Amino acid sequence: IFDSTLANTVGEQPGSCIYAETCGHASVMEFNGDVYACDHYVFPEYKIGNIKTHTIFEMMFSEKQLRFGADKKDKLPTQCRECEFLKLCNGECPKNRIIKTPTGEPGLNYLCAGFKMYYRHTKPYMEFMANELHFQRPPANVMYWAKSREPRSKNQE
């Protein structure tokens, strides 16, 4: 989650489909050649073809697969679309969107509250590292910066 958060903070691909804006690039093939939209969705309704009858290209760029990927963004509840952390989590994995928002809209990630705590806590550190990267300095400088922000105890004075 750390690397994905930093990547999303600087506008790069997160490296993990669950934090990407859309999904659909983590298909899975079963022993019999059946290919499914995602390794979390190995169910008949998410089968996009079979390697014996379709090419990987045909399956990965099929209308069904493209719709599956776009639905990650398009089916976000209003609470997510208006969230200050949307660009960091992008609603996370659709398989975890199993609860309703306080207004009753379906599709809220059951891990949302925990993610918000994490993003609030890491925001200043991620912003600092993003700035370091922008100026081609090592993001590890965050360690010195964080230490300088710590309150000094009486024993350290």
N, C-alpha and C. Protein backbone atom coordinates (compact mmCIF):
# COMPACT_ATOMS: atom_id res chain seq x y z
N ILE A 1 0.83 -1.20 0.00
CA ILE A 1 0.00 0.00 0.00
C ILE A 1 0.87 1.26 0.00
N PHE A 2 2.03 1.20 0.65
CA PHE A 2 2.91 2.37 0.73
C PHE A 2 3.35 2.82 -0.66
N ASP A 3 3.91 1.89 -1.44
CA ASP A 3 4.39 2.24 -2.78
C ASP A 3 3.26 2.71 -3.68
N SER A 4 2.11 2.08 -3.57
CA SER A 4 0.96 2.48 -4.37
C SER A 4 0.48 3.87 -3.99
N THR A 5 0.50 4.18 -2.71
CA THR A 5 0.09 5.51 -2.25
C THR A 5 1.03 6.58 -2.80
N LEU A 6 2.32 6.32 -2.72
CA LEU A 6 3.28 7.29 -3.25
C LEU A 6 3.12 7.44 -4.76
N ALA A 7 2.97 6.32 -5.46
CA ALA A 7 2.79 6.38 -6.91
C ALA A 7 1.55 7.20 -7.26
N ASN A 8 0.44 6.93 -6.61
CA ASN A 8 -0.78 7.70 -6.90
C ASN A 8 -0.63 9.16 -6.51
N THR A 9 0.13 9.45 -5.47
CA THR A 9 0.37 10.84 -5.06
C THR A 9 1.09 11.62 -6.15
N VAL A 10 2.03 10.98 -6.83
CA VAL A 10 2.80 11.67 -7.87
C VAL A 10 2.21 11.47 -9.27
N GLY A 11 1.06 10.80 -9.35
CA GLY A 11 0.39 10.64 -10.64
C GLY A 11 0.90 9.50 -11.49
N GLU A 12 1.58 8.55 -10.88
CA GLU A 12 2.07 7.37 -11.61
C GLU A 12 1.13 6.19 -11.38
N GLN A 13 1.31 5.15 -12.18
CA GLN A 13 0.52 3.94 -11.99
C GLN A 13 0.91 3.30 -10.65
N PRO A 14 -0.06 2.83 -9.88
CA PRO A 14 0.23 2.34 -8.54
C PRO A 14 0.93 0.99 -8.47
N GLY A 15 0.99 0.25 -9.55
CA GLY A 15 1.67 -1.04 -9.51
C GLY A 15 0.80 -2.16 -8.98
N SER A 16 -0.34 -1.83 -8.46
CA SER A 16 -1.29 -2.83 -7.96
C SER A 16 -2.67 -2.46 -8.48
N CYS A 17 -3.32 -3.41 -9.10
CA CYS A 17 -4.62 -3.12 -9.72
C CYS A 17 -5.65 -2.60 -8.73
N ILE A 18 -5.54 -3.00 -7.48
CA ILE A 18 -6.58 -2.59 -6.53
C ILE A 18 -6.58 -1.09 -6.25
N TYR A 19 -5.45 -0.42 -6.48
CA TYR A 19 -5.38 1.02 -6.26
C TYR A 19 -5.41 1.82 -7.56
N ALA A 20 -5.53 1.13 -8.70
CA ALA A 20 -5.61 1.79 -9.99
C ALA A 20 -7.01 2.36 -10.22
N GLU A 21 -7.11 3.32 -11.11
CA GLU A 21 -8.40 3.94 -11.40
C GLU A 21 -9.37 2.93 -12.02
N THR A 22 -8.85 2.11 -12.92
CA THR A 22 -9.64 1.05 -13.54
C THR A 22 -8.89 -0.26 -13.36
N CYS A 23 -9.57 -1.36 -13.64
CA CYS A 23 -8.89 -2.64 -13.51
C CYS A 23 -9.14 -3.46 -14.77
N GLY A 24 -8.80 -4.72 -14.71
CA GLY A 24 -9.02 -5.58 -15.85
C GLY A 24 -7.75 -6.11 -16.46
N HIS A 25 -6.62 -5.91 -15.79
CA HIS A 25 -5.34 -6.38 -16.31
C HIS A 25 -4.77 -7.53 -15.48
N ALA A 26 -5.59 -8.11 -14.63
CA ALA A 26 -5.12 -9.22 -13.78
C ALA A 26 -5.99 -10.45 -14.03
N SER A 27 -6.15 -10.77 -15.30
CA SER A 27 -6.97 -11.93 -15.63
C SER A 27 -6.29 -13.21 -15.14
N VAL A 28 -7.06 -14.27 -15.14
CA VAL A 28 -6.55 -15.55 -14.66
C VAL A 28 -7.02 -16.64 -15.62
N MET A 29 -6.14 -17.62 -15.83
CA MET A 29 -6.49 -18.75 -16.68
C MET A 29 -6.53 -20.02 -15.84
N GLU A 30 -7.61 -20.75 -15.96
CA GLU A 30 -7.78 -22.01 -15.24
C GLU A 30 -7.13 -23.15 -16.02
N PHE A 31 -7.02 -24.31 -15.39
CA PHE A 31 -6.35 -25.48 -15.96
C PHE A 31 -6.92 -25.90 -17.31
N ASN A 32 -8.21 -25.63 -17.56
CA ASN A 32 -8.85 -26.05 -18.81
C ASN A 32 -8.78 -24.98 -19.90
N GLY A 33 -8.10 -23.87 -19.62
CA GLY A 33 -7.94 -22.81 -20.60
C GLY A 33 -8.94 -21.68 -20.47
N ASP A 34 -9.93 -21.82 -19.59
CA ASP A 34 -10.89 -20.74 -19.38
C ASP A 34 -10.18 -19.53 -18.78
N VAL A 35 -10.51 -18.36 -19.31
CA VAL A 35 -9.91 -17.11 -18.85
C VAL A 35 -11.01 -16.25 -18.23
N TYR A 36 -10.69 -15.70 -17.06
CA TYR A 36 -11.63 -14.88 -16.32
C TYR A 36 -11.10 -13.46 -16.18
N ALA A 37 -12.01 -12.52 -16.03
CA ALA A 37 -11.68 -11.10 -15.98
C ALA A 37 -10.65 -10.76 -14.91
N CYS A 38 -10.69 -11.47 -13.78
CA CYS A 38 -9.83 -11.14 -12.65
C CYS A 38 -9.69 -12.36 -11.75
N ASP A 39 -8.58 -12.44 -11.05
CA ASP A 39 -8.38 -13.58 -10.16
C ASP A 39 -9.32 -13.56 -8.95
N HIS A 40 -9.98 -12.44 -8.71
CA HIS A 40 -10.96 -12.36 -7.63
C HIS A 40 -12.38 -12.65 -8.13
N TYR A 41 -12.52 -12.83 -9.43
CA TYR A 41 -13.83 -13.03 -10.04
C TYR A 41 -13.84 -14.26 -10.94
N VAL A 42 -13.48 -15.39 -10.40
CA VAL A 42 -13.50 -16.64 -11.17
C VAL A 42 -14.88 -17.26 -10.99
N PHE A 43 -15.84 -16.64 -11.67
CA PHE A 43 -17.24 -17.07 -11.66
C PHE A 43 -17.73 -17.08 -13.10
N PRO A 44 -18.70 -17.90 -13.43
CA PRO A 44 -19.16 -18.02 -14.82
C PRO A 44 -19.46 -16.68 -15.50
N GLU A 45 -20.08 -15.77 -14.77
CA GLU A 45 -20.46 -14.49 -15.40
C GLU A 45 -19.25 -13.61 -15.75
N TYR A 46 -18.08 -13.95 -15.24
CA TYR A 46 -16.87 -13.17 -15.53
C TYR A 46 -15.90 -13.89 -16.47
N LYS A 47 -16.34 -15.00 -17.03
CA LYS A 47 -15.51 -15.73 -18.00
C LYS A 47 -15.48 -14.91 -19.29
N ILE A 48 -14.26 -14.66 -19.79
CA ILE A 48 -14.14 -13.86 -21.01
C ILE A 48 -13.73 -14.70 -22.22
N GLY A 49 -13.49 -15.97 -22.01
CA GLY A 49 -13.16 -16.84 -23.13
C GLY A 49 -12.32 -18.02 -22.71
N ASN A 50 -11.78 -18.68 -23.73
CA ASN A 50 -10.92 -19.84 -23.51
C ASN A 50 -9.73 -19.72 -24.44
N ILE A 51 -8.56 -19.99 -23.93
CA ILE A 51 -7.33 -19.84 -24.70
C ILE A 51 -7.30 -20.74 -25.94
N LYS A 52 -8.11 -21.81 -25.93
CA LYS A 52 -8.16 -22.73 -27.08
C LYS A 52 -8.94 -22.14 -28.24
N THR A 53 -9.80 -21.18 -27.96
CA THR A 53 -10.66 -20.63 -29.01
C THR A 53 -10.48 -19.13 -29.25
N HIS A 54 -9.80 -18.45 -28.34
CA HIS A 54 -9.60 -17.00 -28.47
C HIS A 54 -8.15 -16.66 -28.12
N THR A 55 -7.65 -15.59 -28.74
CA THR A 55 -6.31 -15.13 -28.37
C THR A 55 -6.40 -14.30 -27.09
N ILE A 56 -5.28 -14.18 -26.42
CA ILE A 56 -5.24 -13.33 -25.22
C ILE A 56 -5.66 -11.91 -25.58
N PHE A 57 -5.18 -11.42 -26.71
CA PHE A 57 -5.52 -10.07 -27.16
C PHE A 57 -7.04 -9.93 -27.30
N GLU A 58 -7.67 -10.89 -27.98
CA GLU A 58 -9.12 -10.83 -28.16
C GLU A 58 -9.85 -10.77 -26.82
N MET A 59 -9.41 -11.59 -25.90
CA MET A 59 -10.09 -11.63 -24.60
C MET A 59 -9.84 -10.38 -23.77
N MET A 60 -8.59 -9.94 -23.72
CA MET A 60 -8.25 -8.79 -22.87
C MET A 60 -8.82 -7.48 -23.40
N PHE A 61 -9.08 -7.42 -24.71
CA PHE A 61 -9.65 -6.20 -25.29
C PHE A 61 -11.09 -6.40 -25.76
N SER A 62 -11.72 -7.44 -25.24
CA SER A 62 -13.13 -7.67 -25.56
C SER A 62 -13.98 -6.61 -24.85
N GLU A 63 -15.15 -6.38 -25.39
CA GLU A 63 -16.07 -5.41 -24.78
C GLU A 63 -16.38 -5.80 -23.33
N LYS A 64 -16.54 -7.09 -23.09
CA LYS A 64 -16.86 -7.57 -21.74
C LYS A 64 -15.73 -7.25 -20.76
N GLN A 65 -14.49 -7.46 -21.18
CA GLN A 65 -13.35 -7.19 -20.30
C GLN A 65 -13.14 -5.69 -20.10
N LEU A 66 -13.28 -4.92 -21.16
CA LEU A 66 -13.12 -3.47 -21.04
C LEU A 66 -14.20 -2.89 -20.12
N ARG A 67 -15.42 -3.40 -20.22
CA ARG A 67 -16.51 -2.93 -19.34
C ARG A 67 -16.20 -3.31 -17.90
N PHE A 68 -15.70 -4.54 -17.69
CA PHE A 68 -15.34 -4.97 -16.34
C PHE A 68 -14.34 -3.98 -15.73
N GLY A 69 -13.32 -3.62 -16.50
CA GLY A 69 -12.30 -2.70 -16.00
C GLY A 69 -12.83 -1.30 -15.73
N ALA A 70 -13.68 -0.81 -16.63
CA ALA A 70 -14.23 0.54 -16.47
C ALA A 70 -15.24 0.63 -15.33
N ASP A 71 -15.92 -0.49 -15.05
CA ASP A 71 -16.90 -0.49 -13.96
C ASP A 71 -16.28 -0.14 -12.62
N LYS A 72 -15.00 -0.41 -12.46
CA LYS A 72 -14.33 -0.09 -11.19
C LYS A 72 -14.49 1.40 -10.88
N LYS A 73 -14.33 2.22 -11.89
CA LYS A 73 -14.47 3.67 -11.72
C LYS A 73 -15.93 4.11 -11.85
N ASP A 74 -16.60 3.58 -12.86
CA ASP A 74 -17.95 4.04 -13.18
C ASP A 74 -19.00 3.69 -12.13
N LYS A 75 -18.77 2.66 -11.34
CA LYS A 75 -19.76 2.23 -10.35
C LYS A 75 -19.44 2.68 -8.92
N LEU A 76 -18.52 3.62 -8.79
CA LEU A 76 -18.21 4.15 -7.46
C LEU A 76 -19.41 4.91 -6.90
N PRO A 77 -19.70 4.72 -5.62
CA PRO A 77 -20.78 5.51 -5.03
C PRO A 77 -20.36 6.98 -4.91
N THR A 78 -21.34 7.84 -4.76
CA THR A 78 -21.10 9.28 -4.66
C THR A 78 -20.10 9.59 -3.54
N GLN A 79 -20.22 8.91 -2.42
CA GLN A 79 -19.30 9.16 -1.29
C GLN A 79 -17.85 9.00 -1.73
N CYS A 80 -17.57 8.01 -2.56
CA CYS A 80 -16.20 7.80 -3.05
C CYS A 80 -15.81 8.88 -4.06
N ARG A 81 -16.72 9.17 -4.98
CA ARG A 81 -16.41 10.16 -6.02
C ARG A 81 -16.12 11.53 -5.43
N GLU A 82 -16.68 11.82 -4.25
CA GLU A 82 -16.48 13.11 -3.61
C GLU A 82 -15.41 13.08 -2.52
N CYS A 83 -14.77 11.95 -2.32
CA CYS A 83 -13.79 11.78 -1.25
C CYS A 83 -12.45 12.45 -1.59
N GLU A 84 -11.86 13.08 -0.59
CA GLU A 84 -10.55 13.73 -0.79
C GLU A 84 -9.45 12.73 -1.12
N PHE A 85 -9.65 11.46 -0.82
CA PHE A 85 -8.62 10.44 -1.05
C PHE A 85 -8.90 9.57 -2.27
N LEU A 86 -9.87 9.94 -3.09
CA LEU A 86 -10.23 9.12 -4.25
C LEU A 86 -9.04 8.78 -5.12
N LYS A 87 -8.19 9.74 -5.41
CA LYS A 87 -7.05 9.50 -6.31
C LYS A 87 -6.01 8.58 -5.68
N LEU A 88 -6.11 8.33 -4.39
CA LEU A 88 -5.16 7.43 -3.73
C LEU A 88 -5.67 5.99 -3.69
N CYS A 89 -6.95 5.82 -3.44
CA CYS A 89 -7.46 4.45 -3.32
C CYS A 89 -8.31 4.02 -4.51
N ASN A 90 -8.93 4.97 -5.20
CA ASN A 90 -9.80 4.66 -6.34
C ASN A 90 -10.87 3.62 -5.99
N GLY A 91 -11.30 3.63 -4.75
CA GLY A 91 -12.33 2.69 -4.32
C GLY A 91 -11.79 1.32 -3.96
N GLU A 92 -10.48 1.13 -4.14
CA GLU A 92 -9.81 -0.15 -3.88
C GLU A 92 -10.47 -1.24 -4.71
N CYS A 93 -10.34 -2.48 -4.35
CA CYS A 93 -10.84 -3.60 -5.16
C CYS A 93 -12.36 -3.72 -5.09
N PRO A 94 -13.02 -3.84 -6.24
CA PRO A 94 -14.48 -3.99 -6.23
C PRO A 94 -14.98 -5.17 -5.40
N LYS A 95 -14.17 -6.19 -5.22
CA LYS A 95 -14.62 -7.34 -4.42
C LYS A 95 -14.85 -6.95 -2.96
N ASN A 96 -14.27 -5.82 -2.54
CA ASN A 96 -14.43 -5.35 -1.16
C ASN A 96 -15.53 -4.30 -1.00
N ARG A 97 -16.22 -4.00 -2.07
CA ARG A 97 -17.27 -2.98 -2.02
C ARG A 97 -18.61 -3.64 -1.69
N ILE A 98 -18.72 -4.05 -0.46
CA ILE A 98 -19.87 -4.88 -0.08
C ILE A 98 -20.82 -4.22 0.91
N ILE A 99 -20.57 -2.96 1.26
CA ILE A 99 -21.49 -2.30 2.20
C ILE A 99 -22.11 -1.07 1.53
N LYS A 100 -23.10 -0.52 2.18
CA LYS A 100 -23.78 0.67 1.67
C LYS A 100 -23.23 1.91 2.36
N THR A 101 -23.32 3.01 1.66
CA THR A 101 -22.93 4.30 2.24
C THR A 101 -23.98 4.70 3.28
N PRO A 102 -23.69 5.70 4.10
CA PRO A 102 -24.70 6.16 5.07
C PRO A 102 -26.02 6.59 4.41
N THR A 103 -25.97 6.97 3.13
CA THR A 103 -27.20 7.36 2.42
C THR A 103 -27.88 6.17 1.76
N GLY A 104 -27.32 4.97 1.91
CA GLY A 104 -27.94 3.77 1.36
C GLY A 104 -27.47 3.35 -0.01
N GLU A 105 -26.51 4.07 -0.56
CA GLU A 105 -25.99 3.73 -1.89
C GLU A 105 -25.06 2.52 -1.78
N PRO A 106 -25.24 1.51 -2.62
CA PRO A 106 -24.37 0.33 -2.55
C PRO A 106 -22.99 0.61 -3.14
N GLY A 107 -22.03 -0.25 -2.78
CA GLY A 107 -20.72 -0.19 -3.42
C GLY A 107 -19.61 0.43 -2.60
N LEU A 108 -19.83 0.63 -1.31
CA LEU A 108 -18.78 1.20 -0.47
C LEU A 108 -17.85 0.09 0.00
N ASN A 109 -16.57 0.36 -0.03
CA ASN A 109 -15.58 -0.61 0.42
C ASN A 109 -15.66 -0.74 1.93
N TYR A 110 -15.72 -1.97 2.40
CA TYR A 110 -15.84 -2.18 3.85
C TYR A 110 -14.57 -1.79 4.59
N LEU A 111 -13.48 -1.54 3.87
CA LEU A 111 -12.23 -1.11 4.48
C LEU A 111 -12.05 0.41 4.44
N CYS A 112 -13.04 1.12 3.97
CA CYS A 112 -12.94 2.57 3.74
C CYS A 112 -12.46 3.35 4.96
N ALA A 113 -13.04 3.13 6.11
CA ALA A 113 -12.67 3.90 7.30
C ALA A 113 -11.19 3.71 7.64
N GLY A 114 -10.70 2.50 7.52
CA GLY A 114 -9.29 2.23 7.79
C GLY A 114 -8.38 2.89 6.78
N PHE A 115 -8.77 2.84 5.50
CA PHE A 115 -7.98 3.51 4.47
C PHE A 115 -7.92 5.00 4.73
N LYS A 116 -9.03 5.60 5.10
CA LYS A 116 -9.04 7.05 5.37
C LYS A 116 -8.10 7.40 6.52
N MET A 117 -8.08 6.58 7.54
CA MET A 117 -7.14 6.81 8.66
C MET A 117 -5.70 6.76 8.15
N TYR A 118 -5.40 5.75 7.35
CA TYR A 118 -4.05 5.59 6.79
C TYR A 118 -3.68 6.80 5.93
N TYR A 119 -4.57 7.19 5.02
CA TYR A 119 -4.27 8.30 4.11
C TYR A 119 -4.12 9.62 4.86
N ARG A 120 -4.95 9.86 5.86
CA ARG A 120 -4.80 11.08 6.66
C ARG A 120 -3.44 11.11 7.36
N HIS A 121 -3.07 9.98 7.93
CA HIS A 121 -1.81 9.90 8.66
C HIS A 121 -0.60 10.07 7.73
N THR A 122 -0.64 9.47 6.57
CA THR A 122 0.53 9.49 5.68
C THR A 122 0.57 10.68 4.73
N LYS A 123 -0.50 11.45 4.65
CA LYS A 123 -0.57 12.56 3.68
C LYS A 123 0.64 13.49 3.73
N PRO A 124 1.03 14.03 4.88
CA PRO A 124 2.17 14.96 4.86
C PRO A 124 3.47 14.28 4.42
N TYR A 125 3.63 13.02 4.76
CA TYR A 125 4.85 12.29 4.38
C TYR A 125 4.87 12.02 2.88
N MET A 126 3.73 11.64 2.35
CA MET A 126 3.64 11.39 0.90
C MET A 126 3.86 12.68 0.12
N GLU A 127 3.29 13.76 0.60
CA GLU A 127 3.48 15.05 -0.08
C GLU A 127 4.94 15.48 -0.03
N PHE A 128 5.60 15.25 1.09
CA PHE A 128 7.02 15.58 1.20
C PHE A 128 7.83 14.74 0.21
N MET A 129 7.57 13.44 0.17
CA MET A 129 8.32 12.57 -0.75
C MET A 129 8.03 12.91 -2.20
N ALA A 130 6.80 13.27 -2.51
CA ALA A 130 6.46 13.68 -3.87
C ALA A 130 7.26 14.91 -4.27
N ASN A 131 7.39 15.85 -3.35
CA ASN A 131 8.18 17.05 -3.60
C ASN A 131 9.66 16.70 -3.82
N GLU A 132 10.17 15.80 -3.00
CA GLU A 132 11.56 15.37 -3.16
C GLU A 132 11.77 14.75 -4.54
N LEU A 133 10.86 13.89 -4.96
CA LEU A 133 10.97 13.26 -6.27
C LEU A 133 10.90 14.31 -7.39
N HIS A 134 10.01 15.29 -7.22
CA HIS A 134 9.88 16.35 -8.21
C HIS A 134 11.21 17.08 -8.43
N PHE A 135 11.94 17.28 -7.37
CA PHE A 135 13.23 17.97 -7.46
C PHE A 135 14.41 17.00 -7.57
N GLN A 136 14.09 15.76 -7.93
CA GLN A 136 15.09 14.71 -8.17
C GLN A 136 16.00 14.47 -6.97
N ARG A 137 15.37 14.51 -5.81
CA ARG A 137 16.08 14.18 -4.58
C ARG A 137 15.51 12.87 -4.04
N PRO A 138 16.25 12.16 -3.23
CA PRO A 138 15.76 10.87 -2.73
C PRO A 138 14.56 11.04 -1.79
N PRO A 139 13.49 10.29 -2.05
CA PRO A 139 12.34 10.38 -1.16
C PRO A 139 12.65 9.88 0.25
N ALA A 140 13.74 9.15 0.40
CA ALA A 140 14.15 8.68 1.73
C ALA A 140 14.49 9.84 2.65
N ASN A 141 14.65 11.04 2.10
CA ASN A 141 14.87 12.23 2.93
C ASN A 141 13.72 12.45 3.91
N VAL A 142 12.61 11.78 3.65
CA VAL A 142 11.46 11.89 4.55
C VAL A 142 11.84 11.46 5.97
N MET A 143 12.81 10.58 6.10
CA MET A 143 13.21 10.12 7.43
C MET A 143 13.79 11.27 8.26
N TYR A 144 14.63 12.08 7.62
CA TYR A 144 15.22 13.24 8.32
C TYR A 144 14.14 14.27 8.62
N TRP A 145 13.28 14.49 7.64
CA TRP A 145 12.20 15.46 7.79
C TRP A 145 11.26 15.03 8.92
N ALA A 146 10.90 13.76 8.95
CA ALA A 146 9.99 13.26 9.98
C ALA A 146 10.62 13.38 11.37
N LYS A 147 11.91 13.08 11.45
CA LYS A 147 12.60 13.17 12.74
C LYS A 147 12.61 14.62 13.22
N SER A 148 12.77 15.56 12.31
CA SER A 148 12.81 16.97 12.70
C SER A 148 11.44 17.47 13.17
N ARG A 149 10.38 16.76 12.84
CA ARG A 149 9.02 17.13 13.25
C ARG A 149 8.65 16.56 14.61
N GLU A 150 9.40 15.57 15.08
CA GLU A 150 9.09 14.93 16.36
C GLU A 150 9.32 15.91 17.51
N PRO A 151 8.39 15.94 18.45
CA PRO A 151 8.62 16.79 19.62
C PRO A 151 9.78 16.23 20.45
N ARG A 152 10.60 17.10 20.94
CA ARG A 152 11.76 16.68 21.74
C ARG A 152 11.32 16.44 23.17
N SER A 153 11.80 15.37 23.74
CA SER A 153 11.48 15.09 25.15
C SER A 153 12.46 15.88 26.03
N LYS A 154 12.15 15.99 27.29
CA LYS A 154 13.02 16.71 28.23
C LYS A 154 14.40 16.06 28.30
N ASN A 155 14.48 14.75 28.13
CA ASN A 155 15.77 14.05 28.20
C ASN A 155 16.67 14.36 27.01
N GLN A 156 16.08 14.80 25.89
CA GLN A 156 16.88 15.08 24.70
C GLN A 156 17.42 16.50 24.70
N GLU A 157 16.94 17.34 25.57
CA GLU A 157 17.36 18.74 25.55
C GLU A 157 18.65 18.96 26.29
